[in-house]
Amino acid sequence: MRFLDDIPPDAAKTGALGNRAIVEAVAEAAADFKFPLVVDPVMVSKHGVRLMAKDAVEAIRTKLIPRAIPGHAQSRGSIRACRLRSP
């Protein structure tokens, strides 16, 4: 990503990552980042409606979280809960 070489950011932040393919694309792009990645996915609406496919949650847990700084407390709880339910 040449544009990152021109004026490198201090950090990057995710937002809504609705499905596994999107999560994997972001993880692949972020693999070479030389700056922090804040993972703040929009996983559940304020009314409690799931906004993200279950396989996307697993992909976030395995592909993004290991190299990221979780941003939103509710998302961190959802990711932890997912981890506890996973074998």
Protein backbone atom coordinates (compact mmCIF):
# COMPACT_ATOMS: atom_id res chain seq x y z
CA MET A 1 0.00 0.00 0.00
CA ARG A 2 2.07 2.85 -1.31
CA PHE A 3 -0.15 5.57 0.16
CA LEU A 4 0.87 4.41 3.65
CA ASP A 5 4.51 5.16 2.81
CA ASP A 6 3.79 8.80 1.95
CA ILE A 7 2.35 9.89 5.31
CA PRO A 8 2.21 6.88 7.63
CA PRO A 9 -0.69 6.91 10.09
CA ASP A 10 -0.16 6.71 13.83
CA ALA A 11 -2.79 3.96 13.99
CA ALA A 12 -5.68 2.40 12.06
CA LYS A 13 -9.10 1.39 13.34
CA THR A 14 -11.60 -1.13 12.00
CA GLY A 15 -15.32 -0.66 12.08
CA ALA A 16 -18.08 -2.88 10.77
CA LEU A 17 -16.64 -6.09 9.36
CA GLY A 18 -19.78 -7.98 8.40
CA ASN A 19 -18.46 -11.30 7.17
CA ARG A 20 -15.45 -13.60 7.21
CA ALA A 21 -14.21 -12.55 3.74
CA ILE A 22 -14.02 -8.92 4.81
CA VAL A 23 -12.22 -9.81 8.05
CA GLU A 24 -9.71 -11.91 6.15
CA ALA A 25 -9.09 -9.11 3.62
CA VAL A 26 -8.48 -6.61 6.43
CA ALA A 27 -6.19 -9.06 8.25
CA GLU A 28 -4.17 -9.63 5.10
CA ALA A 29 -3.80 -5.89 4.48
CA ALA A 30 -2.94 -5.23 8.13
CA ALA A 31 -0.26 -7.93 8.29
CA ASP A 32 2.41 -5.47 7.17
CA PHE A 33 1.21 -2.44 9.14
CA LYS A 34 4.01 -0.80 11.12
CA PHE A 35 1.48 0.94 13.36
CA PRO A 36 -1.17 -0.23 15.85
CA LEU A 37 -4.47 -1.63 14.60
CA VAL A 38 -7.46 -0.93 16.84
CA VAL A 39 -10.14 -3.56 16.32
CA ASP A 40 -13.53 -2.06 17.11
CA PRO A 41 -16.03 -4.17 15.16
CA VAL A 42 -19.71 -3.36 15.14
CA MET A 43 -20.93 -6.76 16.25
CA VAL A 44 -24.29 -6.07 17.92
CA SER A 45 -26.68 -3.14 17.49
CA LYS A 46 -27.71 -1.05 20.45
CA HIS A 47 -30.98 -3.04 20.35
CA GLY A 48 -29.15 -6.36 20.67
CA VAL A 49 -29.42 -7.44 17.04
CA ARG A 50 -26.41 -9.38 15.71
CA LEU A 51 -24.79 -7.43 12.87
CA MET A 52 -21.95 -9.83 12.11
CA ALA A 53 -21.93 -13.41 10.87
CA LYS A 54 -20.72 -15.94 13.45
CA ASP A 55 -17.82 -17.04 11.26
CA ALA A 56 -16.69 -13.40 11.08
CA VAL A 57 -16.46 -13.26 14.87
CA GLU A 58 -14.21 -16.33 14.85
CA ALA A 59 -12.06 -14.80 12.10
CA ILE A 60 -11.67 -11.60 14.12
CA ARG A 61 -10.64 -13.64 17.14
CA THR A 62 -8.05 -15.67 15.24
CA LYS A 63 -6.84 -13.30 12.51
CA LEU A 64 -7.12 -9.74 13.85
CA ILE A 65 -7.06 -9.82 17.65
CA PRO A 66 -3.60 -11.41 17.93
CA ARG A 67 -2.06 -8.30 16.33
CA ALA A 68 -4.55 -5.67 17.47
CA ILE A 69 -5.71 -3.41 20.26
CA PRO A 70 -9.44 -4.05 20.94
CA GLY A 71 -11.28 -0.74 20.96
CA HIS A 72 -14.82 -1.07 22.30
CA ALA A 73 -15.61 -2.67 25.66
CA GLN A 74 -18.78 -4.38 24.42
CA SER A 75 -16.90 -5.91 21.47
CA ARG A 76 -14.13 -7.14 23.77
CA GLY A 77 -16.76 -8.87 25.89
CA SER A 78 -18.33 -10.50 22.85
CA ILE A 79 -14.98 -11.72 21.63
CA ARG A 80 -14.10 -13.09 25.07
CA ALA A 81 -17.49 -14.81 25.26
CA CYS A 82 -16.88 -16.33 21.84
CA ARG A 83 -13.52 -17.61 22.98
CA LEU A 84 -15.02 -19.22 26.07
CA ARG A 85 -17.60 -21.07 23.98
CA SER A 86 -15.07 -22.24 21.40
CA PRO A 87 -13.47 -25.68 21.82
